[in-house]
């Protein structure tokens, strides 16, 4: 069984610090007025949810065995045992992300451990 996780602040009032825990759902639009409740239910049921304490992590997986793009919650068949991942991290100006590390079968992969210091060419700080 695969059980997608969700998180909530349990904040009932609008105060500083409220909302720092987030659920990111896959969506066909970035325009809040066009988001469909039915689509969000479908995405939740598919497990296309990422829990976060602030950063927005986008992961897309590719393999020669699969003709679609896999996102969090999907299975990614790879008959040759090889996959390619495209990882993008965005975060608000009140926090910083210094490390992105891949876990393979639940274990940290030292070969896929990226930090600002070791891989500065992969880190870009957007000042917008």
C-alpha atoms as a PDB file:
ATOM      1  CA  UNK A   1       0.000   0.000   0.000  1.00  0.00           C
ATOM      2  CA  UNK A   2       1.136   3.526  -0.719  1.00  0.00           C
ATOM      3  CA  UNK A   3      -0.270   6.158   1.615  1.00  0.00           C
ATOM      4  CA  UNK A   4       0.418   9.766   0.568  1.00  0.00           C
ATOM      5  CA  UNK A   5       1.271  11.994   3.509  1.00  0.00           C
ATOM      6  CA  UNK A   6      -0.238  15.382   4.196  1.00  0.00           C
ATOM      7  CA  UNK A   7       0.618  17.988   6.794  1.00  0.00           C
ATOM      8  CA  UNK A   8      -1.228  20.831   8.500  1.00  0.00           C
ATOM      9  CA  UNK A   9      -0.346  23.607  10.944  1.00  0.00           C
ATOM     10  CA  UNK A  10      -3.664  23.270  12.801  1.00  0.00           C
ATOM     11  CA  UNK A  11      -3.652  27.080  12.935  1.00  0.00           C
ATOM     12  CA  UNK A  12      -7.096  28.528  13.475  1.00  0.00           C
ATOM     13  CA  UNK A  13      -6.082  32.167  13.594  1.00  0.00           C
ATOM     14  CA  UNK A  14      -4.090  34.356  11.237  1.00  0.00           C
ATOM     15  CA  UNK A  15      -0.861  35.004  13.111  1.00  0.00           C
ATOM     16  CA  UNK A  16       2.871  35.117  12.430  1.00  0.00           C
ATOM     17  CA  UNK A  17       4.205  31.655  11.711  1.00  0.00           C
ATOM     18  CA  UNK A  18       0.887  30.261  10.569  1.00  0.00           C
ATOM     19  CA  UNK A  19       1.085  28.257   7.396  1.00  0.00           C
ATOM     20  CA  UNK A  20       4.760  27.271   7.333  1.00  0.00           C
ATOM     21  CA  UNK A  21       3.783  23.629   6.757  1.00  0.00           C
ATOM     22  CA  UNK A  22       2.520  23.067   3.239  1.00  0.00           C
ATOM     23  CA  UNK A  23       1.049  20.446   0.915  1.00  0.00           C
ATOM     24  CA  UNK A  24       1.971  20.926  -2.725  1.00  0.00           C
ATOM     25  CA  UNK A  25      -0.433  19.271  -5.193  1.00  0.00           C
ATOM     26  CA  UNK A  26       0.234  18.712  -8.874  1.00  0.00           C
ATOM     27  CA  UNK A  27      -1.947  21.056 -10.935  1.00  0.00           C
ATOM     28  CA  UNK A  28      -2.510  21.816 -14.598  1.00  0.00           C
ATOM     29  CA  UNK A  29      -2.491  25.558 -13.820  1.00  0.00           C
ATOM     30  CA  UNK A  30      -0.627  28.098 -11.683  1.00  0.00           C
ATOM     31  CA  UNK A  31      -3.617  30.446 -11.749  1.00  0.00           C
ATOM     32  CA  UNK A  32      -5.485  30.030  -8.426  1.00  0.00           C
ATOM     33  CA  UNK A  33      -8.782  31.123 -10.004  1.00  0.00           C
ATOM     34  CA  UNK A  34      -8.580  28.259 -12.510  1.00  0.00           C
ATOM     35  CA  UNK A  35      -7.730  25.456 -10.069  1.00  0.00           C
ATOM     36  CA  UNK A  36     -10.342  22.721 -10.171  1.00  0.00           C
ATOM     37  CA  UNK A  37     -11.448  21.027  -6.947  1.00  0.00           C
ATOM     38  CA  UNK A  38     -12.091  17.832  -8.928  1.00  0.00           C
ATOM     39  CA  UNK A  39      -8.542  17.913 -10.294  1.00  0.00           C
ATOM     40  CA  UNK A  40      -7.101  18.400  -6.778  1.00  0.00           C
ATOM     41  CA  UNK A  41      -9.064  15.365  -5.558  1.00  0.00           C
ATOM     42  CA  UNK A  42      -7.771  13.345  -8.512  1.00  0.00           C
ATOM     43  CA  UNK A  43      -4.175  14.439  -7.820  1.00  0.00           C
ATOM     44  CA  UNK A  44      -4.507  13.616  -4.107  1.00  0.00           C
ATOM     45  CA  UNK A  45      -5.888  10.161  -4.881  1.00  0.00           C
ATOM     46  CA  UNK A  46      -2.948   9.584  -7.272  1.00  0.00           C
ATOM     47  CA  UNK A  47      -0.520  10.536  -4.491  1.00  0.00           C
ATOM     48  CA  UNK A  48       0.769  13.584  -6.372  1.00  0.00           C
ATOM     49  CA  UNK A  49       1.435  15.480  -3.123  1.00  0.00           C
ATOM     50  CA  UNK A  50       4.655  16.797  -1.620  1.00  0.00           C
ATOM     51  CA  UNK A  51       4.772  17.825   2.052  1.00  0.00           C
ATOM     52  CA  UNK A  52       7.032  20.763   2.845  1.00  0.00           C
ATOM     53  CA  UNK A  53       8.145  23.141   5.572  1.00  0.00           C
ATOM     54  CA  UNK A  54       8.584  25.911   3.011  1.00  0.00           C
ATOM     55  CA  UNK A  55      10.628  24.829  -0.041  1.00  0.00           C
ATOM     56  CA  UNK A  56       8.832  23.849  -3.225  1.00  0.00           C
ATOM     57  CA  UNK A  57      10.455  20.748  -4.695  1.00  0.00           C
ATOM     58  CA  UNK A  58       9.687  19.732  -8.257  1.00  0.00           C
ATOM     59  CA  UNK A  59      10.908  16.281  -9.317  1.00  0.00           C
ATOM     60  CA  UNK A  60      10.413  14.715 -12.726  1.00  0.00           C
ATOM     61  CA  UNK A  61      11.625  11.213 -13.491  1.00  0.00           C
ATOM     62  CA  UNK A  62      12.439   9.657 -16.847  1.00  0.00           C
ATOM     63  CA  UNK A  63      13.470   6.171 -17.976  1.00  0.00           C
ATOM     64  CA  UNK A  64      13.843   4.339 -21.279  1.00  0.00           C
ATOM     65  CA  UNK A  65      11.155   1.868 -20.129  1.00  0.00           C
ATOM     66  CA  UNK A  66       8.471   4.507 -19.559  1.00  0.00           C
ATOM     67  CA  UNK A  67       7.086   6.879 -22.169  1.00  0.00           C
ATOM     68  CA  UNK A  68       5.660   9.345 -19.627  1.00  0.00           C
ATOM     69  CA  UNK A  69       7.137  11.769 -17.126  1.00  0.00           C
ATOM     70  CA  UNK A  70       6.892  10.422 -13.565  1.00  0.00           C
ATOM     71  CA  UNK A  71       6.212  12.816 -10.676  1.00  0.00           C
ATOM     72  CA  UNK A  72       6.052  12.201  -6.908  1.00  0.00           C
ATOM     73  CA  UNK A  73       3.474   9.501  -6.243  1.00  0.00           C
ATOM     74  CA  UNK A  74       4.051   7.685  -9.546  1.00  0.00           C
ATOM     75  CA  UNK A  75       5.829   4.402 -10.151  1.00  0.00           C
ATOM     76  CA  UNK A  76       8.746   4.690 -12.579  1.00  0.00           C
ATOM     77  CA  UNK A  77       9.530   1.404 -14.341  1.00  0.00           C
ATOM     78  CA  UNK A  78      13.199   1.147 -15.353  1.00  0.00           C
ATOM     79  CA  UNK A  79      14.028  -2.230 -16.886  1.00  0.00           C
ATOM     80  CA  UNK A  80      17.705  -1.298 -17.206  1.00  0.00           C
ATOM     81  CA  UNK A  81      17.806   0.015 -13.615  1.00  0.00           C
ATOM     82  CA  UNK A  82      18.596   3.573 -14.750  1.00  0.00           C
ATOM     83  CA  UNK A  83      16.525   6.697 -14.282  1.00  0.00           C
ATOM     84  CA  UNK A  84      17.141  10.378 -14.907  1.00  0.00           C
ATOM     85  CA  UNK A  85      15.756  12.952 -12.485  1.00  0.00           C
ATOM     86  CA  UNK A  86      15.222  16.645 -12.988  1.00  0.00           C
ATOM     87  CA  UNK A  87      15.041  18.349  -9.591  1.00  0.00           C
ATOM     88  CA  UNK A  88      14.153  22.001  -9.038  1.00  0.00           C
ATOM     89  CA  UNK A  89      13.949  23.650  -5.628  1.00  0.00           C
ATOM     90  CA  UNK A  90      12.305  27.006  -4.956  1.00  0.00           C
ATOM     91  CA  UNK A  91      11.861  28.653  -1.599  1.00  0.00           C
ATOM     92  CA  UNK A  92      10.611  31.879  -0.042  1.00  0.00           C
ATOM     93  CA  UNK A  93      13.086  34.565   0.989  1.00  0.00           C
ATOM     94  CA  UNK A  94      12.753  33.659   4.677  1.00  0.00           C
ATOM     95  CA  UNK A  95      14.616  30.365   4.294  1.00  0.00           C
ATOM     96  CA  UNK A  96      17.450  28.881   2.310  1.00  0.00           C
ATOM     97  CA  UNK A  97      18.087  25.430   0.891  1.00  0.00           C
ATOM     98  CA  UNK A  98      21.699  24.301   1.005  1.00  0.00           C
ATOM     99  CA  UNK A  99      21.427  20.592   0.236  1.00  0.00           C
ATOM    100  CA  UNK A 100      19.524  18.323  -2.118  1.00  0.00           C
ATOM    101  CA  UNK A 101      20.198  14.631  -1.601  1.00  0.00           C
ATOM    102  CA  UNK A 102      18.692  11.644  -3.357  1.00  0.00           C
ATOM    103  CA  UNK A 103      17.580   8.671  -1.295  1.00  0.00           C
ATOM    104  CA  UNK A 104      17.677   5.356  -3.123  1.00  0.00           C
ATOM    105  CA  UNK A 105      15.535   2.646  -1.526  1.00  0.00           C
ATOM    106  CA  UNK A 106      15.310   4.842   1.581  1.00  0.00           C
ATOM    107  CA  UNK A 107      19.076   5.328   1.949  1.00  0.00           C
ATOM    108  CA  UNK A 108      21.041   8.540   1.284  1.00  0.00           C
ATOM    109  CA  UNK A 109      23.146   8.320  -1.867  1.00  0.00           C
ATOM    110  CA  UNK A 110      26.529   9.998  -1.437  1.00  0.00           C
ATOM    111  CA  UNK A 111      26.893  10.030  -5.234  1.00  0.00           C
ATOM    112  CA  UNK A 112      23.733  12.167  -5.423  1.00  0.00           C
ATOM    113  CA  UNK A 113      24.399  14.613  -2.587  1.00  0.00           C
ATOM    114  CA  UNK A 114      24.434  18.215  -3.814  1.00  0.00           C
ATOM    115  CA  UNK A 115      25.353  21.185  -1.633  1.00  0.00           C
ATOM    116  CA  UNK A 116      25.896  24.835  -2.454  1.00  0.00           C
ATOM    117  CA  UNK A 117      29.598  24.480  -1.583  1.00  0.00           C
ATOM    118  CA  UNK A 118      30.276  21.304  -3.601  1.00  0.00           C
ATOM    119  CA  UNK A 119      28.055  22.082  -6.598  1.00  0.00           C
ATOM    120  CA  UNK A 120      27.840  25.852  -6.846  1.00  0.00           C
ATOM    121  CA  UNK A 121      27.166  25.646 -10.601  1.00  0.00           C
ATOM    122  CA  UNK A 122      23.829  23.899  -9.830  1.00  0.00           C
ATOM    123  CA  UNK A 123      22.735  26.470  -7.239  1.00  0.00           C
ATOM    124  CA  UNK A 124      21.248  29.732  -8.375  1.00  0.00           C
ATOM    125  CA  UNK A 125      19.762  32.273  -6.075  1.00  0.00           C
ATOM    126  CA  UNK A 126      16.928  34.190  -7.730  1.00  0.00           C
ATOM    127  CA  UNK A 127      16.534  37.669  -6.273  1.00  0.00           C
ATOM    128  CA  UNK A 128      12.975  38.198  -7.534  1.00  0.00           C
END
